[in-house]
C-alpha cells in the first residue's frame, strides 16, 4: 500500500511538472543580449558645477538610474590616478553598490598620432598610468583617441605604432585599448577600421559612438567599426513623444550592433541641452531597453 501510494505521489509530481514546464517556459524572462552602462560625461554639467563628485558616481548611477555599469572620464579624477587610497575607495564604492567598473575614457594625455616622435612617445607613456588604474579598478578597457597631424596616411602610421605599443602594455593586465570615433580623421569609419585591422592585436579595438560622425554616414561608420568593437557608445540628444532620439534612428543602429554579434556593454552618453542630465539619462535608458 505504501509503495503504491508513493508511486502515485511520484506520478502526480511528474504530471504536475509536465503541466508547469510549458508555462514556465512561456513566461521565462527574455535573455538580454547586451548590458547598459553609463558614461560619466552624461553628468558633466553636474560634476563641473560641483553637485556630484567622481567618487560618488557609481553610487549615484545605481541609486538614481538603476544602472550597474559605469564608464569613467579621466579628467574628473586626473590628480588621483596614482593615489591608491582614492582608487581603493572608488573601487569599494562601486562594489558596495553592485556596480561594474567598465572602462575609463582618456583625454588630454597627448596625441597618439603626433608627428613629433618625442611627443608621441610621451603620449604613450602618459596613458600607461591609466591602464594601470583601469586594471586596479577592474575595468576591461581604456578609451583613447586617434588624433594627430599630417596626412591621413601619416597619422595612420603613427597611430598604429602607438596603439600597438599600448595594447601590448595592456596585455599583462588584460586591459584593452579601444578607440572611439572622436572627431577629425577618426570619425571616418573606413579610416579607423583600417587602422585597427593593421594593428591586429587582441587587446585593441573600437568604441563606436552613434553620434560622432560629422563628414561620414553614421550608420556605415558603425558598420565599419563593429567588427572590432569592445564597447559601444549610445549618444542621444533629443527625444520625441514616443521616446525615440530625433537625430539617430536607434532601431537601425541597434540592428547593426546586434547583427554584428556584439553582446557587451552599451554605454549611455546623453548630451542634450533641452532636458536635465538626469531626465536625459532616464529617457536614454528607456530607449535602449526597447531593444533588449
C-alpha atoms as a PDB file:
ATOM      1  CA  UNK A   1       0.000   0.000   0.000  1.00  0.00           C
ATOM      2  CA  UNK A   2       2.781   2.427   0.941  1.00  0.00           C
ATOM      3  CA  UNK A   3       4.664   1.526  -2.198  1.00  0.00           C
ATOM      4  CA  UNK A   4       1.541   2.154  -4.295  1.00  0.00           C
ATOM      5  CA  UNK A   5       0.898   5.493  -2.536  1.00  0.00           C
ATOM      6  CA  UNK A   6       4.495   6.553  -3.121  1.00  0.00           C
ATOM      7  CA  UNK A   7       4.203   5.553  -6.762  1.00  0.00           C
ATOM      8  CA  UNK A   8       1.038   7.613  -7.226  1.00  0.00           C
ATOM      9  CA  UNK A   9       2.636  10.530  -5.380  1.00  0.00           C
ATOM     10  CA  UNK A  10       5.660  10.486  -7.701  1.00  0.00           C
ATOM     11  CA  UNK A  11       3.411  10.147 -10.728  1.00  0.00           C
ATOM     12  CA  UNK A  12       1.492  13.219  -9.588  1.00  0.00           C
ATOM     13  CA  UNK A  13       4.684  15.198  -9.193  1.00  0.00           C
ATOM     14  CA  UNK A  14       5.823  14.191 -12.639  1.00  0.00           C
ATOM     15  CA  UNK A  15       2.471  15.078 -14.147  1.00  0.00           C
ATOM     16  CA  UNK A  16       2.497  18.413 -12.354  1.00  0.00           C
ATOM     17  CA  UNK A  17       5.980  19.029 -13.639  1.00  0.00           C
ATOM     18  CA  UNK A  18       4.875  18.336 -17.186  1.00  0.00           C
ATOM     19  CA  UNK A  19       1.995  20.733 -16.732  1.00  0.00           C
ATOM     20  CA  UNK A  20       4.125  23.504 -15.223  1.00  0.00           C
ATOM     21  CA  UNK A  21       7.073  23.368 -17.592  1.00  0.00           C
ATOM     22  CA  UNK A  22       5.377  24.887 -20.683  1.00  0.00           C
ATOM     23  CA  UNK A  23       4.003  27.823 -18.726  1.00  0.00           C
ATOM     24  CA  UNK A  24       7.354  28.362 -17.049  1.00  0.00           C
ATOM     25  CA  UNK A  25       8.978  28.487 -20.463  1.00  0.00           C
ATOM     26  CA  UNK A  26       6.223  30.752 -21.750  1.00  0.00           C
ATOM     27  CA  UNK A  27       6.767  33.326 -19.023  1.00  0.00           C
ATOM     28  CA  UNK A  28      10.519  32.930 -18.645  1.00  0.00           C
ATOM     29  CA  UNK A  29      12.394  36.210 -18.782  1.00  0.00           C
ATOM     30  CA  UNK A  30      13.788  37.006 -22.188  1.00  0.00           C
ATOM     31  CA  UNK A  31      17.562  36.844 -22.186  1.00  0.00           C
ATOM     32  CA  UNK A  32      19.066  40.271 -22.728  1.00  0.00           C
ATOM     33  CA  UNK A  33      21.721  40.433 -25.428  1.00  0.00           C
ATOM     34  CA  UNK A  34      23.523  43.493 -24.071  1.00  0.00           C
ATOM     35  CA  UNK A  35      24.099  45.297 -20.780  1.00  0.00           C
ATOM     36  CA  UNK A  36      23.649  49.014 -20.122  1.00  0.00           C
ATOM     37  CA  UNK A  37      26.359  51.233 -18.650  1.00  0.00           C
ATOM     38  CA  UNK A  38      26.520  54.967 -18.061  1.00  0.00           C
ATOM     39  CA  UNK A  39      29.231  57.218 -19.448  1.00  0.00           C
ATOM     40  CA  UNK A  40      30.222  59.753 -16.786  1.00  0.00           C
ATOM     41  CA  UNK A  41      30.225  62.527 -19.391  1.00  0.00           C
ATOM     42  CA  UNK A  42      26.428  62.335 -19.302  1.00  0.00           C
ATOM     43  CA  UNK A  43      26.700  64.072 -15.914  1.00  0.00           C
ATOM     44  CA  UNK A  44      29.499  66.508 -16.764  1.00  0.00           C
ATOM     45  CA  UNK A  45      27.429  69.632 -16.061  1.00  0.00           C
ATOM     46  CA  UNK A  46      26.551  68.388 -12.603  1.00  0.00           C
ATOM     47  CA  UNK A  47      30.189  67.456 -11.948  1.00  0.00           C
ATOM     48  CA  UNK A  48      31.600  70.766 -13.216  1.00  0.00           C
ATOM     49  CA  UNK A  49      29.132  72.619 -11.008  1.00  0.00           C
ATOM     50  CA  UNK A  50      30.353  70.651  -8.002  1.00  0.00           C
ATOM     51  CA  UNK A  51      26.999  68.949  -7.422  1.00  0.00           C
ATOM     52  CA  UNK A  52      28.498  65.494  -7.969  1.00  0.00           C
ATOM     53  CA  UNK A  53      31.981  64.113  -7.338  1.00  0.00           C
ATOM     54  CA  UNK A  54      33.672  61.344  -9.266  1.00  0.00           C
ATOM     55  CA  UNK A  55      33.980  59.279  -6.077  1.00  0.00           C
ATOM     56  CA  UNK A  56      30.158  59.261  -5.781  1.00  0.00           C
ATOM     57  CA  UNK A  57      29.490  58.438  -9.436  1.00  0.00           C
ATOM     58  CA  UNK A  58      28.972  54.656  -9.001  1.00  0.00           C
ATOM     59  CA  UNK A  59      26.513  55.044  -6.130  1.00  0.00           C
ATOM     60  CA  UNK A  60      24.653  57.881  -7.865  1.00  0.00           C
ATOM     61  CA  UNK A  61      24.332  55.781 -11.019  1.00  0.00           C
ATOM     62  CA  UNK A  62      22.976  52.743  -9.203  1.00  0.00           C
ATOM     63  CA  UNK A  63      20.544  54.555  -6.929  1.00  0.00           C
ATOM     64  CA  UNK A  64      19.196  57.150  -9.348  1.00  0.00           C
ATOM     65  CA  UNK A  65      19.065  55.197 -12.597  1.00  0.00           C
ATOM     66  CA  UNK A  66      19.244  51.501 -11.735  1.00  0.00           C
ATOM     67  CA  UNK A  67      22.311  51.202 -13.952  1.00  0.00           C
ATOM     68  CA  UNK A  68      25.088  48.927 -12.740  1.00  0.00           C
ATOM     69  CA  UNK A  69      27.939  49.616 -15.130  1.00  0.00           C
ATOM     70  CA  UNK A  70      29.977  52.841 -15.216  1.00  0.00           C
ATOM     71  CA  UNK A  71      32.380  54.439 -17.682  1.00  0.00           C
ATOM     72  CA  UNK A  72      34.656  56.985 -16.031  1.00  0.00           C
ATOM     73  CA  UNK A  73      36.118  60.120 -17.621  1.00  0.00           C
ATOM     74  CA  UNK A  74      39.755  60.664 -16.659  1.00  0.00           C
ATOM     75  CA  UNK A  75      39.570  64.458 -16.323  1.00  0.00           C
ATOM     76  CA  UNK A  76      37.250  64.066 -13.328  1.00  0.00           C
ATOM     77  CA  UNK A  77      39.953  62.360 -11.260  1.00  0.00           C
ATOM     78  CA  UNK A  78      43.134  63.170 -13.142  1.00  0.00           C
ATOM     79  CA  UNK A  79      45.002  64.138  -9.965  1.00  0.00           C
ATOM     80  CA  UNK A  80      44.037  60.833  -8.308  1.00  0.00           C
ATOM     81  CA  UNK A  81      45.148  58.363 -10.971  1.00  0.00           C
ATOM     82  CA  UNK A  82      48.075  57.120  -8.869  1.00  0.00           C
ATOM     83  CA  UNK A  83      46.506  57.759  -5.462  1.00  0.00           C
ATOM     84  CA  UNK A  84      45.925  54.229  -4.222  1.00  0.00           C
ATOM     85  CA  UNK A  85      43.857  55.349  -1.246  1.00  0.00           C
ATOM     86  CA  UNK A  86      41.467  57.142  -3.581  1.00  0.00           C
ATOM     87  CA  UNK A  87      41.352  54.276  -6.085  1.00  0.00           C
ATOM     88  CA  UNK A  88      40.650  51.737  -3.337  1.00  0.00           C
ATOM     89  CA  UNK A  89      37.805  53.891  -2.074  1.00  0.00           C
ATOM     90  CA  UNK A  90      36.386  54.252  -5.593  1.00  0.00           C
ATOM     91  CA  UNK A  91      36.648  50.518  -6.200  1.00  0.00           C
ATOM     92  CA  UNK A  92      34.951  49.713  -2.897  1.00  0.00           C
ATOM     93  CA  UNK A  93      32.131  52.172  -3.507  1.00  0.00           C
ATOM     94  CA  UNK A  94      31.405  50.563  -6.851  1.00  0.00           C
ATOM     95  CA  UNK A  95      31.485  47.090  -5.293  1.00  0.00           C
ATOM     96  CA  UNK A  96      29.254  48.112  -2.368  1.00  0.00           C
ATOM     97  CA  UNK A  97      26.612  49.299  -4.824  1.00  0.00           C
ATOM     98  CA  UNK A  98      26.841  46.297  -7.119  1.00  0.00           C
ATOM     99  CA  UNK A  99      28.367  48.393  -9.882  1.00  0.00           C
ATOM    100  CA  UNK A 100      30.799  47.115 -12.514  1.00  0.00           C
ATOM    101  CA  UNK A 101      33.650  49.464 -13.451  1.00  0.00           C
ATOM    102  CA  UNK A 102      33.597  49.099 -17.240  1.00  0.00           C
ATOM    103  CA  UNK A 103      36.192  51.484 -18.667  1.00  0.00           C
ATOM    104  CA  UNK A 104      37.954  54.839 -18.366  1.00  0.00           C
ATOM    105  CA  UNK A 105      37.752  57.425 -21.156  1.00  0.00           C
ATOM    106  CA  UNK A 106      41.108  59.138 -21.625  1.00  0.00           C
ATOM    107  CA  UNK A 107      41.552  62.673 -22.941  1.00  0.00           C
ATOM    108  CA  UNK A 108      44.262  65.297 -22.633  1.00  0.00           C
ATOM    109  CA  UNK A 109      47.248  62.954 -22.455  1.00  0.00           C
ATOM    110  CA  UNK A 110      48.803  63.789 -25.808  1.00  0.00           C
ATOM    111  CA  UNK A 111      48.166  62.763 -29.405  1.00  0.00           C
ATOM    112  CA  UNK A 112      48.876  59.143 -30.253  1.00  0.00           C
ATOM    113  CA  UNK A 113      49.273  60.197 -33.885  1.00  0.00           C
ATOM    114  CA  UNK A 114      51.623  63.107 -33.226  1.00  0.00           C
ATOM    115  CA  UNK A 115      54.153  63.687 -35.995  1.00  0.00           C
ATOM    116  CA  UNK A 116      56.725  64.702 -33.378  1.00  0.00           C
ATOM    117  CA  UNK A 117      58.202  61.407 -32.236  1.00  0.00           C
ATOM    118  CA  UNK A 118      59.142  62.622 -28.777  1.00  0.00           C
ATOM    119  CA  UNK A 119      55.600  63.909 -28.182  1.00  0.00           C
ATOM    120  CA  UNK A 120      54.087  60.681 -29.490  1.00  0.00           C
ATOM    121  CA  UNK A 121      56.230  58.575 -27.167  1.00  0.00           C
ATOM    122  CA  UNK A 122      55.335  60.865 -24.274  1.00  0.00           C
ATOM    123  CA  UNK A 123      51.652  60.408 -25.084  1.00  0.00           C
ATOM    124  CA  UNK A 124      52.101  56.640 -24.940  1.00  0.00           C
ATOM    125  CA  UNK A 125      53.830  56.930 -21.590  1.00  0.00           C
ATOM    126  CA  UNK A 126      51.070  59.201 -20.280  1.00  0.00           C
ATOM    127  CA  UNK A 127      48.478  56.508 -20.999  1.00  0.00           C
ATOM    128  CA  UNK A 128      50.307  53.820 -19.046  1.00  0.00           C
ATOM    129  CA  UNK A 129      49.128  55.086 -15.656  1.00  0.00           C
ATOM    130  CA  UNK A 130      45.530  54.946 -16.847  1.00  0.00           C
ATOM    131  CA  UNK A 131      45.928  51.356 -17.967  1.00  0.00           C
ATOM    132  CA  UNK A 132      47.290  50.585 -14.510  1.00  0.00           C
ATOM    133  CA  UNK A 133      44.357  52.368 -12.847  1.00  0.00           C
ATOM    134  CA  UNK A 134      41.848  50.575 -15.072  1.00  0.00           C
ATOM    135  CA  UNK A 135      43.425  47.271 -14.150  1.00  0.00           C
ATOM    136  CA  UNK A 136      43.194  48.036 -10.422  1.00  0.00           C
ATOM    137  CA  UNK A 137      39.576  49.190 -10.667  1.00  0.00           C
ATOM    138  CA  UNK A 138      38.563  46.039 -12.519  1.00  0.00           C
ATOM    139  CA  UNK A 139      37.766  47.738 -15.826  1.00  0.00           C
ATOM    140  CA  UNK A 140      38.195  45.868 -19.075  1.00  0.00           C
ATOM    141  CA  UNK A 141      39.456  48.823 -21.153  1.00  0.00           C
ATOM    142  CA  UNK A 142      40.546  52.397 -21.552  1.00  0.00           C
ATOM    143  CA  UNK A 143      39.155  54.520 -24.370  1.00  0.00           C
ATOM    144  CA  UNK A 144      41.746  56.529 -26.306  1.00  0.00           C
ATOM    145  CA  UNK A 145      41.727  58.951 -29.233  1.00  0.00           C
ATOM    146  CA  UNK A 146      43.386  58.567 -32.620  1.00  0.00           C
ATOM    147  CA  UNK A 147      44.378  62.198 -33.125  1.00  0.00           C
ATOM    148  CA  UNK A 148      47.440  63.527 -34.891  1.00  0.00           C
ATOM    149  CA  UNK A 149      48.853  65.838 -37.528  1.00  0.00           C
ATOM    150  CA  UNK A 150      49.776  65.206 -41.130  1.00  0.00           C
ATOM    151  CA  UNK A 151      48.094  63.355 -43.971  1.00  0.00           C
ATOM    152  CA  UNK A 152      45.658  60.580 -43.148  1.00  0.00           C
ATOM    153  CA  UNK A 153      48.308  58.008 -44.084  1.00  0.00           C
ATOM    154  CA  UNK A 154      50.932  59.681 -41.903  1.00  0.00           C
ATOM    155  CA  UNK A 155      48.560  59.843 -38.939  1.00  0.00           C
ATOM    156  CA  UNK A 156      47.620  56.216 -39.522  1.00  0.00           C
ATOM    157  CA  UNK A 157      51.255  55.101 -39.365  1.00  0.00           C
ATOM    158  CA  UNK A 158      51.829  56.939 -36.082  1.00  0.00           C
ATOM    159  CA  UNK A 159      48.554  55.791 -34.507  1.00  0.00           C
ATOM    160  CA  UNK A 160      49.189  52.169 -35.461  1.00  0.00           C
ATOM    161  CA  UNK A 161      52.557  52.250 -33.712  1.00  0.00           C
ATOM    162  CA  UNK A 162      51.094  53.883 -30.601  1.00  0.00           C
ATOM    163  CA  UNK A 163      48.100  51.552 -30.355  1.00  0.00           C
ATOM    164  CA  UNK A 164      50.300  48.508 -30.860  1.00  0.00           C
ATOM    165  CA  UNK A 165      52.550  49.644 -28.023  1.00  0.00           C
ATOM    166  CA  UNK A 166      49.658  50.414 -25.659  1.00  0.00           C
ATOM    167  CA  UNK A 167      47.837  47.177 -26.460  1.00  0.00           C
ATOM    168  CA  UNK A 168      50.967  45.243 -25.614  1.00  0.00           C
ATOM    169  CA  UNK A 169      51.328  47.159 -22.348  1.00  0.00           C
ATOM    170  CA  UNK A 170      47.679  46.477 -21.505  1.00  0.00           C
ATOM    171  CA  UNK A 171      48.054  42.790 -22.247  1.00  0.00           C
ATOM    172  CA  UNK A 172      49.607  41.922 -18.882  1.00  0.00           C
ATOM    173  CA  UNK A 173      46.638  43.383 -17.015  1.00  0.00           C
ATOM    174  CA  UNK A 174      44.080  42.185 -19.569  1.00  0.00           C
ATOM    175  CA  UNK A 175      43.165  45.794 -20.377  1.00  0.00           C
ATOM    176  CA  UNK A 176      42.048  46.558 -23.905  1.00  0.00           C
ATOM    177  CA  UNK A 177      42.839  49.838 -25.642  1.00  0.00           C
ATOM    178  CA  UNK A 178      39.758  50.898 -27.562  1.00  0.00           C
ATOM    179  CA  UNK A 179      39.449  53.817 -29.972  1.00  0.00           C
ATOM    180  CA  UNK A 180      36.378  56.000 -30.361  1.00  0.00           C
ATOM    181  CA  UNK A 181      35.396  57.880 -33.482  1.00  0.00           C
ATOM    182  CA  UNK A 182      36.005  61.202 -31.779  1.00  0.00           C
ATOM    183  CA  UNK A 183      36.464  63.887 -34.398  1.00  0.00           C
ATOM    184  CA  UNK A 184      38.896  64.550 -37.215  1.00  0.00           C
ATOM    185  CA  UNK A 185      40.005  61.643 -39.326  1.00  0.00           C
ATOM    186  CA  UNK A 186      38.997  59.199 -36.571  1.00  0.00           C
ATOM    187  CA  UNK A 187      35.345  59.969 -37.381  1.00  0.00           C
ATOM    188  CA  UNK A 188      35.793  58.333 -40.781  1.00  0.00           C
ATOM    189  CA  UNK A 189      34.782  54.740 -40.166  1.00  0.00           C
ATOM    190  CA  UNK A 190      36.759  53.340 -43.075  1.00  0.00           C
ATOM    191  CA  UNK A 191      39.983  55.013 -41.878  1.00  0.00           C
ATOM    192  CA  UNK A 192      39.641  53.914 -38.276  1.00  0.00           C
ATOM    193  CA  UNK A 193      38.667  50.345 -39.167  1.00  0.00           C
ATOM    194  CA  UNK A 194      41.727  50.185 -41.420  1.00  0.00           C
ATOM    195  CA  UNK A 195      43.901  51.342 -38.511  1.00  0.00           C
ATOM    196  CA  UNK A 196      42.510  48.623 -36.244  1.00  0.00           C
ATOM    197  CA  UNK A 197      42.864  45.992 -38.956  1.00  0.00           C
ATOM    198  CA  UNK A 198      46.513  46.962 -39.327  1.00  0.00           C
ATOM    199  CA  UNK A 199      47.154  46.895 -35.575  1.00  0.00           C
ATOM    200  CA  UNK A 200      45.598  43.420 -35.440  1.00  0.00           C
ATOM    201  CA  UNK A 201      46.037  42.962 -31.678  1.00  0.00           C
ATOM    202  CA  UNK A 202      43.558  41.133 -29.406  1.00  0.00           C
ATOM    203  CA  UNK A 203      43.864  43.932 -26.848  1.00  0.00           C
ATOM    204  CA  UNK A 204      42.985  46.685 -29.305  1.00  0.00           C
ATOM    205  CA  UNK A 205      39.537  47.500 -30.627  1.00  0.00           C
ATOM    206  CA  UNK A 206      36.906  50.135 -31.243  1.00  0.00           C
ATOM    207  CA  UNK A 207      34.271  52.048 -29.292  1.00  0.00           C
ATOM    208  CA  UNK A 208      31.733  53.014 -31.967  1.00  0.00           C
ATOM    209  CA  UNK A 209      29.832  56.162 -30.965  1.00  0.00           C
ATOM    210  CA  UNK A 210      26.451  56.624 -32.655  1.00  0.00           C
ATOM    211  CA  UNK A 211      26.814  60.376 -32.808  1.00  0.00           C
ATOM    212  CA  UNK A 212      30.425  61.287 -33.599  1.00  0.00           C
ATOM    213  CA  UNK A 213      30.317  61.115 -37.391  1.00  0.00           C
ATOM    214  CA  UNK A 214      30.496  64.543 -38.990  1.00  0.00           C
ATOM    215  CA  UNK A 215      31.520  64.031 -42.624  1.00  0.00           C
ATOM    216  CA  UNK A 216      30.737  60.338 -42.809  1.00  0.00           C
ATOM    217  CA  UNK A 217      27.494  58.355 -42.793  1.00  0.00           C
ATOM    218  CA  UNK A 218      26.878  57.356 -39.167  1.00  0.00           C
ATOM    219  CA  UNK A 219      25.272  54.004 -39.959  1.00  0.00           C
ATOM    220  CA  UNK A 220      28.070  52.997 -42.314  1.00  0.00           C
ATOM    221  CA  UNK A 221      30.575  54.159 -39.709  1.00  0.00           C
ATOM    222  CA  UNK A 222      29.127  51.915 -37.027  1.00  0.00           C
ATOM    223  CA  UNK A 223      29.076  49.023 -39.518  1.00  0.00           C
ATOM    224  CA  UNK A 224      32.754  49.690 -40.239  1.00  0.00           C
ATOM    225  CA  UNK A 225      33.707  49.639 -36.561  1.00  0.00           C
ATOM    226  CA  UNK A 226      31.530  46.877 -35.100  1.00  0.00           C
ATOM    227  CA  UNK A 227      33.853  44.029 -36.173  1.00  0.00           C
ATOM    228  CA  UNK A 228      36.421  45.495 -33.754  1.00  0.00           C
ATOM    229  CA  UNK A 229      34.009  46.673 -31.048  1.00  0.00           C
ATOM    230  CA  UNK A 230      34.846  46.124 -27.389  1.00  0.00           C
ATOM    231  CA  UNK A 231      32.270  48.701 -26.323  1.00  0.00           C
ATOM    232  CA  UNK A 232      29.504  50.817 -27.843  1.00  0.00           C
ATOM    233  CA  UNK A 233      28.544  54.414 -27.039  1.00  0.00           C
ATOM    234  CA  UNK A 234      24.849  55.267 -27.434  1.00  0.00           C
ATOM    235  CA  UNK A 235      24.760  59.020 -27.976  1.00  0.00           C
ATOM    236  CA  UNK A 236      21.452  60.826 -27.532  1.00  0.00           C
ATOM    237  CA  UNK A 237      20.368  64.483 -27.582  1.00  0.00           C
ATOM    238  CA  UNK A 238      16.620  64.960 -28.072  1.00  0.00           C
ATOM    239  CA  UNK A 239      13.584  62.688 -27.793  1.00  0.00           C
ATOM    240  CA  UNK A 240      10.180  62.610 -29.474  1.00  0.00           C
ATOM    241  CA  UNK A 241       6.887  61.802 -27.733  1.00  0.00           C
ATOM    242  CA  UNK A 242       7.462  58.074 -28.245  1.00  0.00           C
ATOM    243  CA  UNK A 243      10.830  58.248 -26.513  1.00  0.00           C
ATOM    244  CA  UNK A 244      12.983  57.873 -29.628  1.00  0.00           C
ATOM    245  CA  UNK A 245      16.006  60.031 -30.369  1.00  0.00           C
ATOM    246  CA  UNK A 246      15.125  62.599 -33.016  1.00  0.00           C
ATOM    247  CA  UNK A 247      18.523  62.649 -34.712  1.00  0.00           C
ATOM    248  CA  UNK A 248      19.534  58.980 -34.762  1.00  0.00           C
ATOM    249  CA  UNK A 249      17.494  56.022 -35.991  1.00  0.00           C
ATOM    250  CA  UNK A 250      18.047  53.812 -32.947  1.00  0.00           C
ATOM    251  CA  UNK A 251      16.303  50.794 -34.435  1.00  0.00           C
ATOM    252  CA  UNK A 252      18.645  50.883 -37.404  1.00  0.00           C
ATOM    253  CA  UNK A 253      21.663  51.408 -35.141  1.00  0.00           C
ATOM    254  CA  UNK A 254      20.722  48.651 -32.721  1.00  0.00           C
ATOM    255  CA  UNK A 255      20.060  46.261 -35.593  1.00  0.00           C
ATOM    256  CA  UNK A 256      23.585  46.942 -36.843  1.00  0.00           C
ATOM    257  CA  UNK A 257      25.052  46.348 -33.375  1.00  0.00           C
ATOM    258  CA  UNK A 258      23.054  43.164 -32.770  1.00  0.00           C
ATOM    259  CA  UNK A 259      23.734  41.679 -36.198  1.00  0.00           C
ATOM    260  CA  UNK A 260      27.476  42.022 -35.556  1.00  0.00           C
ATOM    261  CA  UNK A 261      27.186  39.515 -32.708  1.00  0.00           C
ATOM    262  CA  UNK A 262      28.128  42.066 -30.052  1.00  0.00           C
ATOM    263  CA  UNK A 263      26.907  41.194 -26.524  1.00  0.00           C
ATOM    264  CA  UNK A 264      28.822  43.559 -24.232  1.00  0.00           C
ATOM    265  CA  UNK A 265      28.021  46.898 -22.611  1.00  0.00           C
ATOM    266  CA  UNK A 266      26.286  49.723 -24.445  1.00  0.00           C
ATOM    267  CA  UNK A 267      27.074  52.971 -22.680  1.00  0.00           C
ATOM    268  CA  UNK A 268      24.588  55.830 -22.423  1.00  0.00           C
ATOM    269  CA  UNK A 269      26.092  59.189 -23.346  1.00  0.00           C
ATOM    270  CA  UNK A 270      23.426  61.873 -23.101  1.00  0.00           C
ATOM    271  CA  UNK A 271      24.459  65.306 -24.373  1.00  0.00           C
ATOM    272  CA  UNK A 272      21.174  67.119 -24.884  1.00  0.00           C
ATOM    273  CA  UNK A 273      20.506  70.608 -23.560  1.00  0.00           C
ATOM    274  CA  UNK A 274      16.687  70.673 -23.527  1.00  0.00           C
ATOM    275  CA  UNK A 275      16.379  68.280 -20.577  1.00  0.00           C
ATOM    276  CA  UNK A 276      18.220  67.896 -17.298  1.00  0.00           C
ATOM    277  CA  UNK A 277      21.023  65.356 -17.361  1.00  0.00           C
ATOM    278  CA  UNK A 278      19.088  63.017 -15.071  1.00  0.00           C
ATOM    279  CA  UNK A 279      15.978  63.173 -17.277  1.00  0.00           C
ATOM    280  CA  UNK A 280      18.027  62.592 -20.403  1.00  0.00           C
ATOM    281  CA  UNK A 281      19.770  59.585 -18.872  1.00  0.00           C
ATOM    282  CA  UNK A 282      16.449  58.050 -17.828  1.00  0.00           C
ATOM    283  CA  UNK A 283      14.996  58.534 -21.312  1.00  0.00           C
ATOM    284  CA  UNK A 284      18.173  57.107 -22.877  1.00  0.00           C
ATOM    285  CA  UNK A 285      17.912  54.035 -20.682  1.00  0.00           C
ATOM    286  CA  UNK A 286      14.239  53.564 -21.577  1.00  0.00           C
ATOM    287  CA  UNK A 287      15.142  53.893 -25.255  1.00  0.00           C
ATOM    288  CA  UNK A 288      17.845  51.228 -25.077  1.00  0.00           C
ATOM    289  CA  UNK A 289      15.534  48.922 -23.157  1.00  0.00           C
ATOM    290  CA  UNK A 290      13.144  48.918 -26.118  1.00  0.00           C
ATOM    291  CA  UNK A 291      15.698  46.797 -27.960  1.00  0.00           C
ATOM    292  CA  UNK A 292      16.595  44.227 -25.313  1.00  0.00           C
END
